[in-house]
N, C-alpha and C. Protein backbone atom coordinates (compact mmCIF):
# COMPACT_ATOMS: atom_id res chain seq x y z
N MET A 1 34.14 21.10 12.31
CA MET A 1 32.92 21.40 11.90
C MET A 1 31.77 20.42 12.55
N GLN A 2 31.88 19.07 12.64
CA GLN A 2 31.29 18.33 13.33
C GLN A 2 30.93 18.87 14.84
N ARG A 3 32.00 19.26 15.36
CA ARG A 3 31.82 19.70 16.78
C ARG A 3 30.93 20.76 16.79
N ILE A 4 31.32 21.74 16.12
CA ILE A 4 30.24 23.28 15.75
C ILE A 4 28.69 22.58 15.68
N ILE A 5 28.52 21.50 14.74
CA ILE A 5 27.08 21.33 14.51
C ILE A 5 26.71 20.69 15.63
N SER A 6 27.42 19.89 16.31
CA SER A 6 26.92 18.97 17.54
C SER A 6 26.69 20.18 18.78
N GLN A 7 27.51 21.00 18.93
CA GLN A 7 27.02 22.21 20.02
C GLN A 7 25.71 22.74 19.59
N LEU A 8 25.55 23.15 18.34
CA LEU A 8 24.22 23.89 17.73
C LEU A 8 23.29 22.95 18.29
N ASP A 9 23.42 21.83 17.85
CA ASP A 9 22.19 20.60 17.97
C ASP A 9 21.82 20.70 19.62
N LYS A 10 23.05 20.67 20.61
CA LYS A 10 22.50 20.64 21.79
C LYS A 10 21.85 21.97 22.33
N LEU A 11 22.60 22.94 21.70
CA LEU A 11 21.76 24.30 21.90
C LEU A 11 20.52 24.50 21.70
N PHE A 12 20.03 24.03 20.63
CA PHE A 12 18.87 24.12 19.90
C PHE A 12 17.83 22.99 20.80
N SER A 13 18.63 21.74 21.22
CA SER A 13 17.59 21.02 22.13
C SER A 13 17.25 21.80 23.25
N PHE A 14 18.26 22.36 24.10
CA PHE A 14 18.03 23.34 25.16
C PHE A 14 17.11 24.05 25.07
N PHE A 15 17.21 24.86 23.80
CA PHE A 15 15.81 25.99 23.63
C PHE A 15 14.60 25.40 23.60
N VAL A 16 14.54 24.08 22.89
CA VAL A 16 13.13 23.50 22.76
C VAL A 16 12.76 22.91 24.21
N PHE A 17 13.83 22.51 24.86
CA PHE A 17 13.47 22.09 26.51
C PHE A 17 12.99 23.32 27.25
N LEU A 18 13.61 24.48 27.03
CA LEU A 18 12.84 25.67 27.67
C LEU A 18 11.63 26.09 27.16
N VAL A 19 11.35 25.86 25.91
CA VAL A 19 10.07 26.01 25.37
C VAL A 19 9.13 25.06 25.68
N ILE A 20 9.24 23.88 26.15
CA ILE A 20 8.40 22.87 26.75
C ILE A 20 8.09 23.17 28.29
N VAL A 21 8.95 23.81 28.76
CA VAL A 21 9.00 23.97 30.39
C VAL A 21 8.29 25.42 30.54
N MET A 22 8.39 26.22 29.57
CA MET A 22 7.42 27.69 29.45
C MET A 22 6.14 27.26 29.33
N LEU A 23 5.86 26.48 28.34
CA LEU A 23 4.66 25.73 27.95
C LEU A 23 3.78 25.16 28.98
N ALA A 24 4.59 24.21 29.80
CA ALA A 24 3.85 23.72 30.97
C ALA A 24 3.60 24.66 32.01
N LEU A 25 4.41 25.64 32.32
CA LEU A 25 3.93 26.57 33.06
C LEU A 25 2.98 27.65 32.74
N TYR A 26 2.73 27.67 31.38
CA TYR A 26 1.64 28.63 31.12
C TYR A 26 0.36 27.73 31.14
N MET A 27 0.57 26.46 30.94
CA MET A 27 -0.67 25.62 31.04
C MET A 27 -0.94 25.52 32.30
N ALA A 28 -0.15 25.51 33.39
CA ALA A 28 -0.69 25.32 34.79
C ALA A 28 -1.10 26.78 35.24
N LEU A 29 -0.52 27.89 35.12
CA LEU A 29 -1.13 28.97 34.96
C LEU A 29 -2.41 29.13 34.36
N ARG A 30 -2.89 28.94 33.59
CA ARG A 30 -4.01 29.02 32.82
C ARG A 30 -5.07 28.09 33.77
N ILE A 31 -4.82 27.00 34.03
CA ILE A 31 -5.44 26.12 34.59
C ILE A 31 -5.82 26.81 35.89
N GLY A 32 -4.88 27.22 36.83
CA GLY A 32 -5.11 27.84 37.99
C GLY A 32 -5.98 29.40 38.34
N VAL A 33 -5.51 30.10 36.94
CA VAL A 33 -6.42 31.30 36.91
C VAL A 33 -8.03 30.91 36.60
N GLY A 34 -8.16 29.80 35.98
CA GLY A 34 -9.56 29.48 35.73
C GLY A 34 -10.18 28.92 36.70
N ALA A 35 -9.40 27.95 37.62
CA ALA A 35 -10.21 27.45 38.79
C ALA A 35 -10.34 28.66 39.59
N GLU A 36 -9.57 29.50 39.96
CA GLU A 36 -9.41 30.72 40.80
C GLU A 36 -11.03 31.57 40.33
N TYR A 37 -11.13 31.65 39.04
CA TYR A 37 -12.05 32.56 38.60
C TYR A 37 -13.51 31.80 38.91
N MET A 38 -13.50 30.58 38.56
CA MET A 38 -14.57 29.67 38.92
C MET A 38 -15.01 29.58 40.12
N PHE A 39 -14.09 29.40 41.36
CA PHE A 39 -14.42 29.52 42.62
C PHE A 39 -14.68 30.65 43.17
N SER A 40 -14.11 31.87 42.59
CA SER A 40 -14.68 33.33 43.02
C SER A 40 -16.00 33.40 42.67
N GLY A 41 -16.26 33.13 41.38
CA GLY A 41 -17.55 33.19 40.97
C GLY A 41 -18.69 32.37 41.72
N VAL A 42 -18.36 31.26 42.02
CA VAL A 42 -19.25 30.31 42.58
C VAL A 42 -19.44 30.79 44.14
N LEU A 43 -18.48 31.26 44.87
CA LEU A 43 -18.59 31.92 46.43
C LEU A 43 -19.23 33.37 46.38
N SER A 44 -18.78 34.03 45.18
CA SER A 44 -19.66 35.33 45.36
C SER A 44 -21.19 35.40 44.51
N GLY A 45 -21.57 34.21 44.18
CA GLY A 45 -22.87 33.89 43.72
C GLY A 45 -23.24 34.54 42.20
N GLU A 46 -22.01 35.14 41.51
CA GLU A 46 -22.22 35.51 40.22
C GLU A 46 -22.74 34.37 39.47
N LEU A 47 -22.27 33.28 39.56
CA LEU A 47 -22.44 32.10 38.69
C LEU A 47 -23.80 31.73 38.70
N LEU A 48 -24.48 32.22 39.73
CA LEU A 48 -25.98 31.60 39.86
C LEU A 48 -27.07 32.24 38.86
N ASP A 49 -26.54 33.52 38.21
CA ASP A 49 -27.58 33.95 36.97
C ASP A 49 -27.01 33.48 35.97
N HIS A 50 -28.16 32.84 35.18
CA HIS A 50 -27.77 31.76 34.04
C HIS A 50 -27.31 32.52 32.73
N ASP A 51 -27.46 33.91 32.62
CA ASP A 51 -26.87 34.53 31.39
C ASP A 51 -25.20 34.55 31.69
N VAL A 52 -24.79 34.77 32.98
CA VAL A 52 -23.48 34.86 33.43
C VAL A 52 -22.88 33.27 33.20
N LEU A 53 -23.62 32.31 33.78
CA LEU A 53 -23.22 30.93 33.71
C LEU A 53 -23.10 30.40 32.31
N ASP A 54 -23.82 31.10 31.23
CA ASP A 54 -23.70 30.68 30.08
C ASP A 54 -22.31 31.10 29.28
N ILE A 55 -22.04 32.51 29.81
CA ILE A 55 -20.87 33.14 29.29
C ILE A 55 -19.80 32.46 29.85
N PHE A 56 -19.65 32.09 31.09
CA PHE A 56 -18.64 31.52 31.69
C PHE A 56 -18.51 30.05 31.35
N SER A 57 -19.48 29.53 31.02
CA SER A 57 -19.49 28.10 30.65
C SER A 57 -18.74 27.80 29.26
N ARG A 58 -19.24 29.00 28.24
CA ARG A 58 -18.40 29.02 27.03
C ARG A 58 -16.88 29.42 27.16
N ARG A 59 -16.64 30.27 28.01
CA ARG A 59 -15.11 30.73 28.25
C ARG A 59 -14.34 29.29 28.70
N ALA A 60 -15.11 28.73 29.57
CA ALA A 60 -14.37 27.52 30.50
C ALA A 60 -14.17 26.46 29.33
N LEU A 61 -15.20 26.20 28.65
CA LEU A 61 -15.34 24.87 27.37
C LEU A 61 -13.96 25.60 26.57
N HIS A 62 -14.17 26.91 26.08
CA HIS A 62 -12.83 27.34 25.26
C HIS A 62 -11.63 27.47 25.74
N SER A 63 -11.21 27.37 27.18
CA SER A 63 -10.21 27.29 27.87
C SER A 63 -9.92 25.94 27.75
N ILE A 64 -10.47 24.99 28.11
CA ILE A 64 -9.99 23.60 28.10
C ILE A 64 -9.90 23.11 26.74
N ALA A 65 -10.67 23.64 25.68
CA ALA A 65 -10.29 23.30 24.42
C ALA A 65 -8.87 23.70 23.67
N GLU A 66 -8.54 24.89 24.05
CA GLU A 66 -7.44 25.56 24.22
C GLU A 66 -6.18 24.92 24.85
N MET A 67 -6.70 24.05 25.97
CA MET A 67 -5.67 23.18 26.52
C MET A 67 -5.12 22.26 25.94
N ILE A 68 -6.27 21.51 25.16
CA ILE A 68 -6.14 20.24 24.18
C ILE A 68 -5.12 20.81 23.12
N ILE A 69 -5.10 21.87 22.70
CA ILE A 69 -4.19 22.14 21.59
C ILE A 69 -2.83 22.46 22.16
N LEU A 70 -2.43 22.95 23.36
CA LEU A 70 -1.37 23.32 24.00
C LEU A 70 -0.82 21.84 24.43
N ILE A 71 -1.64 21.02 24.77
CA ILE A 71 -0.90 19.45 25.04
C ILE A 71 -0.41 19.00 23.72
N LYS A 72 -1.15 19.07 22.49
CA LYS A 72 -0.88 18.57 21.43
C LYS A 72 0.50 19.22 21.01
N ALA A 73 0.43 20.69 21.21
CA ALA A 73 1.65 21.34 20.92
C ALA A 73 3.18 20.88 21.79
N TYR A 74 2.69 20.48 23.03
CA TYR A 74 3.40 19.88 24.07
C TYR A 74 4.07 18.64 23.30
N ARG A 75 3.05 17.87 23.01
CA ARG A 75 3.48 16.73 22.43
C ARG A 75 4.54 16.44 21.18
N ILE A 76 4.37 17.58 20.20
CA ILE A 76 5.02 17.69 19.16
C ILE A 76 6.36 18.21 19.67
N LEU A 77 6.35 19.18 20.62
CA LEU A 77 8.06 19.68 21.11
C LEU A 77 8.64 18.44 21.82
N VAL A 78 7.99 17.47 22.56
CA VAL A 78 8.73 16.42 23.17
C VAL A 78 9.11 15.62 22.10
N SER A 79 8.47 15.20 21.11
CA SER A 79 8.77 14.29 19.98
C SER A 79 10.10 14.70 19.28
N TYR A 80 9.96 16.16 19.05
CA TYR A 80 11.13 16.90 18.46
C TYR A 80 12.28 16.68 19.22
N LEU A 81 12.20 16.92 20.73
CA LEU A 81 13.39 16.56 21.21
C LEU A 81 13.89 15.44 21.42
N LYS A 82 12.92 14.48 21.54
CA LYS A 82 13.51 13.09 21.49
C LYS A 82 14.04 12.55 20.26
N THR A 83 13.45 12.75 19.08
CA THR A 83 13.83 12.31 17.59
C THR A 83 14.36 13.24 16.69
N HIS A 84 14.27 14.66 16.96
CA HIS A 84 14.66 15.50 16.09
C HIS A 84 13.86 15.74 14.83
N HIS A 85 12.70 15.22 14.84
CA HIS A 85 11.83 15.15 13.73
C HIS A 85 10.29 15.50 14.08
N VAL A 86 9.69 16.22 13.38
CA VAL A 86 8.38 16.81 13.66
C VAL A 86 7.47 15.91 12.97
N SER A 87 6.55 15.26 13.76
CA SER A 87 5.38 14.63 13.37
C SER A 87 4.39 15.69 12.52
N VAL A 88 4.09 15.07 11.40
CA VAL A 88 3.32 15.79 10.43
C VAL A 88 1.70 15.48 10.99
N GLU A 89 1.73 14.28 11.62
CA GLU A 89 0.24 13.89 11.98
C GLU A 89 -0.25 14.77 13.19
N TYR A 90 0.66 15.15 14.12
CA TYR A 90 0.19 15.91 15.07
C TYR A 90 -0.05 17.39 14.66
N ILE A 91 0.81 17.88 13.55
CA ILE A 91 0.60 19.23 13.20
C ILE A 91 -0.77 19.26 12.43
N VAL A 92 -0.98 18.15 11.55
CA VAL A 92 -2.31 18.23 10.82
C VAL A 92 -3.62 18.25 11.94
N GLU A 93 -3.32 17.39 13.06
CA GLU A 93 -4.45 17.40 13.85
C GLU A 93 -4.88 18.79 14.55
N ILE A 94 -3.63 19.21 15.00
CA ILE A 94 -3.69 20.83 15.47
C ILE A 94 -4.59 21.53 14.57
N SER A 95 -4.20 21.27 13.05
CA SER A 95 -4.91 22.34 12.12
C SER A 95 -6.19 21.88 11.93
N ILE A 96 -6.66 20.90 12.30
CA ILE A 96 -8.06 20.45 12.33
C ILE A 96 -8.70 21.03 13.56
N ILE A 97 -8.22 20.93 14.62
CA ILE A 97 -8.97 20.96 16.00
C ILE A 97 -8.93 22.66 16.13
N ALA A 98 -7.97 23.31 15.91
CA ALA A 98 -7.89 24.66 16.23
C ALA A 98 -8.89 25.67 15.53
N PRO A 99 -9.34 25.42 14.19
CA PRO A 99 -10.23 26.09 13.55
C PRO A 99 -11.71 25.62 14.10
N ALA A 100 -12.10 24.33 14.40
CA ALA A 100 -13.12 23.88 15.03
C ALA A 100 -13.39 24.53 16.45
N ILE A 101 -12.40 24.55 17.06
CA ILE A 101 -12.42 25.23 18.41
C ILE A 101 -12.74 26.59 18.28
N GLU A 102 -12.13 27.33 17.49
CA GLU A 102 -12.57 28.91 17.40
C GLU A 102 -13.84 28.99 16.54
N LEU A 103 -14.45 28.08 15.83
CA LEU A 103 -15.72 28.28 15.48
C LEU A 103 -17.01 27.80 16.34
N LEU A 104 -16.56 27.05 17.34
CA LEU A 104 -17.49 26.67 18.16
C LEU A 104 -17.68 27.52 19.37
N PHE A 105 -16.50 28.16 19.85
CA PHE A 105 -16.53 28.86 21.09
C PHE A 105 -16.26 30.48 21.06
N ALA A 106 -15.57 30.84 19.86
CA ALA A 106 -15.24 32.38 19.90
C ALA A 106 -15.89 32.86 18.39
N ALA A 107 -16.84 32.19 17.87
CA ALA A 107 -17.47 32.55 16.52
C ALA A 107 -17.83 33.95 16.49
N GLU A 108 -18.14 34.52 17.69
CA GLU A 108 -18.64 36.02 17.90
C GLU A 108 -17.49 36.91 17.50
N TYR A 109 -16.31 36.53 17.61
CA TYR A 109 -15.22 37.47 17.19
C TYR A 109 -14.67 37.50 15.81
N TYR A 110 -15.46 36.56 14.95
CA TYR A 110 -15.16 36.36 13.43
C TYR A 110 -16.19 36.87 12.47
N ASP A 111 -16.01 37.54 11.51
CA ASP A 111 -16.96 38.04 10.42
C ASP A 111 -17.28 36.73 9.66
N SER A 112 -18.09 36.76 8.88
CA SER A 112 -18.60 35.56 7.95
C SER A 112 -17.40 35.15 7.10
N VAL A 113 -16.91 36.10 6.41
CA VAL A 113 -15.63 35.26 5.53
C VAL A 113 -14.54 34.85 6.44
N SER A 114 -14.22 35.28 7.68
CA SER A 114 -13.24 34.54 8.44
C SER A 114 -13.89 33.13 8.85
N LYS A 115 -14.96 32.90 9.21
CA LYS A 115 -15.73 31.75 9.52
C LYS A 115 -15.68 30.90 8.34
N VAL A 116 -16.13 31.22 7.41
CA VAL A 116 -15.73 30.31 6.01
C VAL A 116 -14.15 29.84 5.94
N VAL A 117 -13.27 30.75 5.90
CA VAL A 117 -11.92 30.36 5.86
C VAL A 117 -11.76 29.38 6.84
N LEU A 118 -12.00 29.68 7.95
CA LEU A 118 -11.69 28.43 8.98
C LEU A 118 -12.36 27.31 8.73
N ALA A 119 -13.54 27.39 8.53
CA ALA A 119 -14.37 26.13 8.08
C ALA A 119 -13.59 25.25 7.27
N VAL A 120 -13.33 26.04 5.98
CA VAL A 120 -12.57 25.31 4.69
C VAL A 120 -11.44 24.86 5.06
N PHE A 121 -10.78 25.54 5.90
CA PHE A 121 -9.45 24.86 6.31
C PHE A 121 -9.33 23.89 7.15
N GLY A 122 -10.27 23.83 8.16
CA GLY A 122 -10.17 22.66 8.95
C GLY A 122 -10.88 21.25 8.35
N LEU A 123 -11.54 21.56 7.56
CA LEU A 123 -12.29 20.49 6.69
C LEU A 123 -11.07 19.83 5.64
N CYS A 124 -10.61 20.88 4.80
CA CYS A 124 -9.44 20.50 4.10
C CYS A 124 -8.34 19.56 4.97
N ASN A 125 -8.03 20.19 5.82
CA ASN A 125 -7.25 19.37 6.64
C ASN A 125 -7.77 18.12 7.33
N LEU A 126 -8.95 18.11 7.58
CA LEU A 126 -9.58 16.81 8.19
C LEU A 126 -9.53 15.66 6.67
N PHE A 127 -9.81 16.13 5.88
CA PHE A 127 -9.83 15.09 4.58
C PHE A 127 -8.40 14.54 4.28
N LEU A 128 -7.41 15.51 4.30
CA LEU A 128 -5.98 15.16 4.12
C LEU A 128 -5.57 14.15 5.25
N TYR A 129 -6.09 14.46 6.50
CA TYR A 129 -5.67 13.46 7.48
C TYR A 129 -6.31 12.22 7.47
N LEU A 130 -7.54 12.12 6.72
CA LEU A 130 -8.05 10.83 6.73
C LEU A 130 -7.71 10.22 5.47
N TYR A 131 -7.04 10.70 4.36
CA TYR A 131 -6.76 10.31 3.14
C TYR A 131 -5.30 9.59 3.61
N PHE A 132 -4.25 10.60 4.22
CA PHE A 132 -2.95 10.04 4.37
C PHE A 132 -2.92 9.06 5.69
N PHE A 133 -3.67 9.20 6.77
CA PHE A 133 -3.34 8.64 8.01
C PHE A 133 -4.52 7.83 7.98
N GLY A 134 -5.87 7.76 7.30
CA GLY A 134 -6.92 6.95 7.87
C GLY A 134 -7.62 6.90 8.73
N ALA A 135 -8.98 6.64 8.96
CA ALA A 135 -9.79 6.70 10.14
C ALA A 135 -9.27 5.97 11.29
N ASP A 136 -8.60 4.90 10.93
CA ASP A 136 -8.29 3.97 12.17
C ASP A 136 -6.58 4.00 12.05
N HIS A 137 -6.08 5.06 12.24
CA HIS A 137 -4.41 5.05 12.14
C HIS A 137 -3.92 4.81 13.59
N ASP A 138 -4.65 5.13 14.39
CA ASP A 138 -4.07 5.12 15.97
C ASP A 138 -4.07 3.63 16.21
N GLU A 139 -2.71 3.27 16.40
CA GLU A 139 -2.61 1.59 16.83
C GLU A 139 -3.12 1.50 18.18
N GLU A 140 -2.62 2.52 19.12
CA GLU A 140 -3.18 2.39 20.37
C GLU A 140 -4.60 2.20 20.75
N LEU A 141 -5.42 3.16 19.76
CA LEU A 141 -6.81 2.92 19.65
C LEU A 141 -7.22 1.69 19.43
N HIS A 142 -6.40 0.84 18.24
CA HIS A 142 -6.99 -0.42 17.76
C HIS A 142 -6.67 -1.65 19.04
N ASN A 143 -5.57 -1.30 19.58
CA ASN A 143 -5.45 -2.19 20.69
C ASN A 143 -6.31 -2.16 22.03
N VAL A 144 -6.54 -1.11 22.13
CA VAL A 144 -7.57 -0.82 23.16
C VAL A 144 -8.98 -1.42 22.78
N MET A 145 -9.38 -1.17 21.46
CA MET A 145 -10.93 -1.58 21.09
C MET A 145 -10.63 -3.09 20.96
N GLY A 146 -9.54 -3.67 20.57
CA GLY A 146 -9.28 -5.24 20.33
C GLY A 146 -9.56 -5.89 21.68
N LYS A 147 -9.24 -5.14 22.61
CA LYS A 147 -9.08 -5.75 24.08
C LYS A 147 -10.67 -5.81 24.59
N HIS A 148 -11.39 -4.75 24.15
CA HIS A 148 -12.88 -4.54 24.58
C HIS A 148 -13.61 -5.58 23.87
N ARG A 149 -13.37 -5.72 22.32
CA ARG A 149 -14.01 -6.81 21.93
C ARG A 149 -13.89 -8.11 22.29
N THR A 150 -12.78 -8.39 22.68
CA THR A 150 -12.42 -10.00 23.21
C THR A 150 -13.30 -10.17 24.46
N LYS A 151 -13.69 -9.33 25.31
CA LYS A 151 -14.28 -9.50 26.47
C LYS A 151 -15.75 -9.96 26.20
């Protein structure tokens, strides 16, 4: 029985590794397509029109913000692959960031009720994060801040 569990664990770890690779390829593809779109827009002169530039800027910022969420998802998968535990902190961070990104960059796609639901969901998760992890939970941030204060 232990041998079967060990084999299933290895198989699942391989599956998580494949998901990580697919996520990395997807992020690279999104960056490449975005860069190609930007350069073709600049070379064709399309981005000189302020209305097009505003729309393009919103799309570019939305893509960058989505990339941050994908990087957080990548960190969750890598952490799981190493420790076989999911960090609740990372999950809550994504649940705070994702609704905020949608409200900031894609609000026109949602009706008023959906916007309220996204806002309440994000704020509730923010309060939970602050309650359980605290505003200064990140030890690396503390170390960096401490180094800057001593100078």
